[in-house]
Amino acid sequence: MSSIKKQQKEERIERTLLTNYDKYYRLAKSYTHNNDDAFDIVQNGACRAIMSGKKLKNEEFVETWIYRIMLNEIFRFCKSNRKILILPQDMAPETGCEDTYENFDLQVALNRLDTKDKSVVILKYFEDMKLSEIAQVLNEKESTVKSRLYRSLEKLKLQLEP
């Protein structure tokens, strides 16, 4: 690969990281519920993406490639730190919150899902990704993502019903 092409790829990766930093941070925080841990995950993921730039075969997929790196970094962090992803009751927000990810009941219900199920829901509804993009990020078939999303939503519905 020519040095110009390599430099362009590195610039594209860095530009994508800077443009989507808030999304990556939000994704990490949705798993850790801790600002410092989320920051560390994103920094480690960014370093990993920059250092692994030569592995990116098609620049067209740089965003999904970096999402995959961030998710792998999140899973690595949670596994190595054996984080319990259910919030303690004393962290519950006051009543009257709108139904966003900050809603405690929704957080608890999402945290009870398997990590891949949770990832599909977060990427679809909180990061506005298309099913085809999610399939690329998770390295799965689109039909698998679709059925995983359906099952996850059914599980969430059961957990959130009064």
C-alpha atoms as a PDB file:
ATOM      1  CA  MET A   1       0.000   0.000   0.000  1.00  0.00           C
ATOM      2  CA  SER A   2       1.386   3.405  -0.887  1.00  0.00           C
ATOM      3  CA  SER A   3       2.233   5.788   1.905  1.00  0.00           C
ATOM      4  CA  ILE A   4      -0.343   8.286   0.566  1.00  0.00           C
ATOM      5  CA  LYS A   5      -3.111   5.669   0.643  1.00  0.00           C
ATOM      6  CA  LYS A   6      -2.024   4.579   4.136  1.00  0.00           C
ATOM      7  CA  GLN A   7      -2.042   8.181   5.358  1.00  0.00           C
ATOM      8  CA  GLN A   8      -5.511   8.770   3.870  1.00  0.00           C
ATOM      9  CA  LYS A   9      -6.825   5.668   5.635  1.00  0.00           C
ATOM     10  CA  GLU A  10      -5.327   6.800   8.959  1.00  0.00           C
ATOM     11  CA  GLU A  11      -6.864  10.256   8.533  1.00  0.00           C
ATOM     12  CA  ARG A  12     -10.259   8.701   7.754  1.00  0.00           C
ATOM     13  CA  ILE A  13     -10.075   6.548  10.889  1.00  0.00           C
ATOM     14  CA  GLU A  14      -9.074   9.510  13.062  1.00  0.00           C
ATOM     15  CA  ARG A  15     -11.785  11.731  11.550  1.00  0.00           C
ATOM     16  CA  THR A  16     -14.409   9.033  12.167  1.00  0.00           C
ATOM     17  CA  LEU A  17     -13.232   8.576  15.749  1.00  0.00           C
ATOM     18  CA  LEU A  18     -13.475  12.308  16.431  1.00  0.00           C
ATOM     19  CA  THR A  19     -16.836  12.698  14.688  1.00  0.00           C
ATOM     20  CA  ASN A  20     -18.452   9.784  16.540  1.00  0.00           C
ATOM     21  CA  TYR A  21     -16.694  10.087  19.901  1.00  0.00           C
ATOM     22  CA  ASP A  22     -19.944  10.900  21.739  1.00  0.00           C
ATOM     23  CA  LYS A  23     -21.658   7.843  20.242  1.00  0.00           C
ATOM     24  CA  TYR A  24     -18.816   5.552  21.313  1.00  0.00           C
ATOM     25  CA  TYR A  25     -18.817   7.080  24.790  1.00  0.00           C
ATOM     26  CA  ARG A  26     -22.597   6.676  25.123  1.00  0.00           C
ATOM     27  CA  LEU A  27     -22.312   3.060  23.989  1.00  0.00           C
ATOM     28  CA  ALA A  28     -19.587   2.302  26.542  1.00  0.00           C
ATOM     29  CA  LYS A  29     -21.459   4.083  29.320  1.00  0.00           C
ATOM     30  CA  SER A  30     -24.607   2.084  28.540  1.00  0.00           C
ATOM     31  CA  TYR A  31     -22.654  -0.998  29.634  1.00  0.00           C
ATOM     32  CA  THR A  32     -20.515   0.333  32.481  1.00  0.00           C
ATOM     33  CA  HIS A  33     -22.719   3.095  33.957  1.00  0.00           C
ATOM     34  CA  ASN A  34     -19.493   4.829  34.932  1.00  0.00           C
ATOM     35  CA  ASN A  35     -17.988   7.917  33.286  1.00  0.00           C
ATOM     36  CA  ASP A  36     -14.359   6.995  33.929  1.00  0.00           C
ATOM     37  CA  ASP A  37     -14.744   3.415  32.743  1.00  0.00           C
ATOM     38  CA  ALA A  38     -16.573   4.557  29.600  1.00  0.00           C
ATOM     39  CA  PHE A  39     -13.838   7.102  28.909  1.00  0.00           C
ATOM     40  CA  ASP A  40     -11.144   4.428  29.340  1.00  0.00           C
ATOM     41  CA  ILE A  41     -12.965   2.033  27.022  1.00  0.00           C
ATOM     42  CA  VAL A  42     -13.298   4.644  24.282  1.00  0.00           C
ATOM     43  CA  GLN A  43      -9.658   5.675  24.618  1.00  0.00           C
ATOM     44  CA  ASN A  44      -8.489   2.054  24.457  1.00  0.00           C
ATOM     45  CA  GLY A  45     -10.793   1.381  21.516  1.00  0.00           C
ATOM     46  CA  ALA A  46      -9.540   4.473  19.689  1.00  0.00           C
ATOM     47  CA  CYS A  47      -5.921   3.410  20.220  1.00  0.00           C
ATOM     48  CA  ARG A  48      -6.748  -0.089  19.031  1.00  0.00           C
ATOM     49  CA  ALA A  49      -8.479   1.297  15.909  1.00  0.00           C
ATOM     50  CA  ILE A  50      -5.557   3.572  15.054  1.00  0.00           C
ATOM     51  CA  MET A  51      -2.992   0.834  15.650  1.00  0.00           C
ATOM     52  CA  SER A  52      -5.031  -1.696  13.624  1.00  0.00           C
ATOM     53  CA  GLY A  53      -5.733   0.635  10.712  1.00  0.00           C
ATOM     54  CA  LYS A  54      -3.958  -1.636   8.266  1.00  0.00           C
ATOM     55  CA  LYS A  55      -6.559  -4.341   8.968  1.00  0.00           C
ATOM     56  CA  LEU A  56      -9.359  -2.155   7.592  1.00  0.00           C
ATOM     57  CA  LYS A  57      -9.822  -3.530   4.108  1.00  0.00           C
ATOM     58  CA  ASN A  58     -12.576  -1.252   2.829  1.00  0.00           C
ATOM     59  CA  GLU A  59     -12.668   2.360   3.986  1.00  0.00           C
ATOM     60  CA  GLU A  60     -16.354   2.471   3.163  1.00  0.00           C
ATOM     61  CA  PHE A  61     -17.031   0.415   6.311  1.00  0.00           C
ATOM     62  CA  VAL A  62     -14.841   2.417   8.696  1.00  0.00           C
ATOM     63  CA  GLU A  63     -17.760   3.343  11.004  1.00  0.00           C
ATOM     64  CA  THR A  64     -19.014  -0.206  11.496  1.00  0.00           C
ATOM     65  CA  TRP A  65     -15.421  -1.434  11.816  1.00  0.00           C
ATOM     66  CA  ILE A  66     -14.795   1.024  14.667  1.00  0.00           C
ATOM     67  CA  TYR A  67     -18.134   0.141  16.321  1.00  0.00           C
ATOM     68  CA  ARG A  68     -17.020  -3.492  16.315  1.00  0.00           C
ATOM     69  CA  ILE A  69     -13.723  -2.506  17.920  1.00  0.00           C
ATOM     70  CA  MET A  70     -15.556  -0.480  20.586  1.00  0.00           C
ATOM     71  CA  LEU A  71     -17.959  -3.337  21.349  1.00  0.00           C
ATOM     72  CA  ASN A  72     -15.065  -5.772  21.635  1.00  0.00           C
ATOM     73  CA  GLU A  73     -13.322  -3.341  23.979  1.00  0.00           C
ATOM     74  CA  ILE A  74     -16.515  -3.067  26.083  1.00  0.00           C
ATOM     75  CA  PHE A  75     -16.864  -6.856  26.290  1.00  0.00           C
ATOM     76  CA  ARG A  76     -13.171  -7.214  27.149  1.00  0.00           C
ATOM     77  CA  PHE A  77     -13.484  -4.594  29.893  1.00  0.00           C
ATOM     78  CA  CYS A  78     -16.622  -6.114  31.407  1.00  0.00           C
ATOM     79  CA  LYS A  79     -15.137  -9.599  31.327  1.00  0.00           C
ATOM     80  CA  SER A  80     -11.797  -8.598  32.855  1.00  0.00           C
ATOM     81  CA  ASN A  81     -13.393  -6.444  35.532  1.00  0.00           C
ATOM     82  CA  ARG A  82     -16.272  -8.824  36.110  1.00  0.00           C
ATOM     83  CA  LYS A  83     -18.583  -5.843  36.163  1.00  0.00           C
ATOM     84  CA  ILE A  84     -22.111  -6.405  37.335  1.00  0.00           C
ATOM     85  CA  LEU A  85     -24.166  -4.565  34.786  1.00  0.00           C
ATOM     86  CA  ILE A  86     -27.260  -4.169  36.959  1.00  0.00           C
ATOM     87  CA  LEU A  87     -27.502  -0.863  38.739  1.00  0.00           C
ATOM     88  CA  PRO A  88     -27.953  -0.875  42.500  1.00  0.00           C
ATOM     89  CA  GLN A  89     -31.350   0.307  43.729  1.00  0.00           C
ATOM     90  CA  ASP A  90     -29.922   3.447  45.351  1.00  0.00           C
ATOM     91  CA  MET A  91     -28.971   4.742  41.889  1.00  0.00           C
ATOM     92  CA  ALA A  92     -32.597   4.813  40.761  1.00  0.00           C
ATOM     93  CA  PRO A  93     -33.641   8.171  39.309  1.00  0.00           C
ATOM     94  CA  GLU A  94     -36.605  10.085  40.626  1.00  0.00           C
ATOM     95  CA  THR A  95     -39.969   9.194  39.182  1.00  0.00           C
ATOM     96  CA  GLY A  96     -41.353  11.139  36.262  1.00  0.00           C
ATOM     97  CA  CYS A  97     -38.388  10.602  33.920  1.00  0.00           C
ATOM     98  CA  GLU A  98     -39.216  10.159  30.273  1.00  0.00           C
ATOM     99  CA  ASP A  99     -38.617   6.754  28.707  1.00  0.00           C
ATOM    100  CA  THR A 100     -35.035   7.160  27.508  1.00  0.00           C
ATOM    101  CA  TYR A 101     -31.978   5.073  28.287  1.00  0.00           C
ATOM    102  CA  GLU A 102     -31.624   7.124  31.464  1.00  0.00           C
ATOM    103  CA  ASN A 103     -34.869   5.553  32.691  1.00  0.00           C
ATOM    104  CA  PHE A 104     -33.878   3.199  35.498  1.00  0.00           C
ATOM    105  CA  ASP A 105     -36.398   0.464  34.692  1.00  0.00           C
ATOM    106  CA  LEU A 106     -35.277   0.403  31.085  1.00  0.00           C
ATOM    107  CA  GLN A 107     -31.612   0.260  32.144  1.00  0.00           C
ATOM    108  CA  VAL A 108     -32.280  -2.665  34.457  1.00  0.00           C
ATOM    109  CA  ALA A 109     -34.294  -4.505  31.793  1.00  0.00           C
ATOM    110  CA  LEU A 110     -31.586  -3.958  29.171  1.00  0.00           C
ATOM    111  CA  ASN A 111     -28.898  -5.116  31.574  1.00  0.00           C
ATOM    112  CA  ARG A 112     -30.714  -8.391  32.085  1.00  0.00           C
ATOM    113  CA  LEU A 113     -30.339  -9.184  28.378  1.00  0.00           C
ATOM    114  CA  ASP A 114     -27.474 -11.206  26.978  1.00  0.00           C
ATOM    115  CA  THR A 115     -24.666  -8.884  25.799  1.00  0.00           C
ATOM    116  CA  LYS A 116     -25.328  -9.490  22.092  1.00  0.00           C
ATOM    117  CA  ASP A 117     -29.074  -8.979  22.568  1.00  0.00           C
ATOM    118  CA  LYS A 118     -28.409  -5.763  24.452  1.00  0.00           C
ATOM    119  CA  SER A 119     -26.006  -4.628  21.730  1.00  0.00           C
ATOM    120  CA  VAL A 120     -28.615  -5.108  19.002  1.00  0.00           C
ATOM    121  CA  VAL A 121     -31.207  -3.053  20.901  1.00  0.00           C
ATOM    122  CA  ILE A 122     -28.773  -0.262  21.778  1.00  0.00           C
ATOM    123  CA  LEU A 123     -27.350  -0.005  18.270  1.00  0.00           C
ATOM    124  CA  LYS A 124     -30.815  -0.033  16.696  1.00  0.00           C
ATOM    125  CA  TYR A 125     -32.763   2.269  18.992  1.00  0.00           C
ATOM    126  CA  PHE A 126     -30.158   4.431  20.714  1.00  0.00           C
ATOM    127  CA  GLU A 127     -27.595   4.736  17.921  1.00  0.00           C
ATOM    128  CA  ASP A 128     -30.113   4.651  15.023  1.00  0.00           C
ATOM    129  CA  MET A 129     -28.200   2.035  13.060  1.00  0.00           C
ATOM    130  CA  LYS A 130     -29.799   0.049  10.265  1.00  0.00           C
ATOM    131  CA  LEU A 131     -30.054  -3.726  10.623  1.00  0.00           C
ATOM    132  CA  SER A 132     -27.473  -4.173   7.855  1.00  0.00           C
ATOM    133  CA  GLU A 133     -25.014  -1.942   9.753  1.00  0.00           C
ATOM    134  CA  ILE A 134     -25.630  -3.818  12.990  1.00  0.00           C
ATOM    135  CA  ALA A 135     -24.998  -7.081  11.170  1.00  0.00           C
ATOM    136  CA  GLN A 136     -21.638  -5.737  10.002  1.00  0.00           C
ATOM    137  CA  VAL A 137     -20.714  -4.488  13.469  1.00  0.00           C
ATOM    138  CA  LEU A 138     -21.598  -7.790  15.133  1.00  0.00           C
ATOM    139  CA  ASN A 139     -20.280  -9.838  12.221  1.00  0.00           C
ATOM    140  CA  GLU A 140     -23.558 -11.719  11.892  1.00  0.00           C
ATOM    141  CA  LYS A 141     -26.145 -12.270   9.176  1.00  0.00           C
ATOM    142  CA  GLU A 142     -28.842  -9.633   8.917  1.00  0.00           C
ATOM    143  CA  SER A 143     -31.515 -12.291   9.479  1.00  0.00           C
ATOM    144  CA  THR A 144     -29.793 -13.273  12.739  1.00  0.00           C
ATOM    145  CA  VAL A 145     -29.757  -9.647  13.869  1.00  0.00           C
ATOM    146  CA  LYS A 146     -33.427  -9.273  12.947  1.00  0.00           C
ATOM    147  CA  SER A 147     -34.485 -12.329  14.957  1.00  0.00           C
ATOM    148  CA  ARG A 148     -32.217 -11.354  17.862  1.00  0.00           C
ATOM    149  CA  LEU A 149     -33.837  -7.900  17.895  1.00  0.00           C
ATOM    150  CA  TYR A 150     -37.330  -9.399  17.866  1.00  0.00           C
ATOM    151  CA  ARG A 151     -36.524 -11.783  20.745  1.00  0.00           C
ATOM    152  CA  SER A 152     -34.836  -9.006  22.705  1.00  0.00           C
ATOM    153  CA  LEU A 153     -37.818  -6.710  22.342  1.00  0.00           C
ATOM    154  CA  GLU A 154     -40.116  -9.505  23.509  1.00  0.00           C
ATOM    155  CA  LYS A 155     -37.928 -10.040  26.575  1.00  0.00           C
ATOM    156  CA  LEU A 156     -37.890  -6.315  27.314  1.00  0.00           C
ATOM    157  CA  LYS A 157     -41.652  -6.127  26.932  1.00  0.00           C
ATOM    158  CA  LEU A 158     -42.124  -8.923  29.466  1.00  0.00           C
ATOM    159  CA  GLN A 159     -39.733  -7.283  31.927  1.00  0.00           C
ATOM    160  CA  LEU A 160     -41.279  -3.829  31.632  1.00  0.00           C
ATOM    161  CA  GLU A 161     -44.937  -4.854  31.819  1.00  0.00           C
ATOM    162  CA  PRO A 162     -46.542  -4.018  35.178  1.00  0.00           C
END
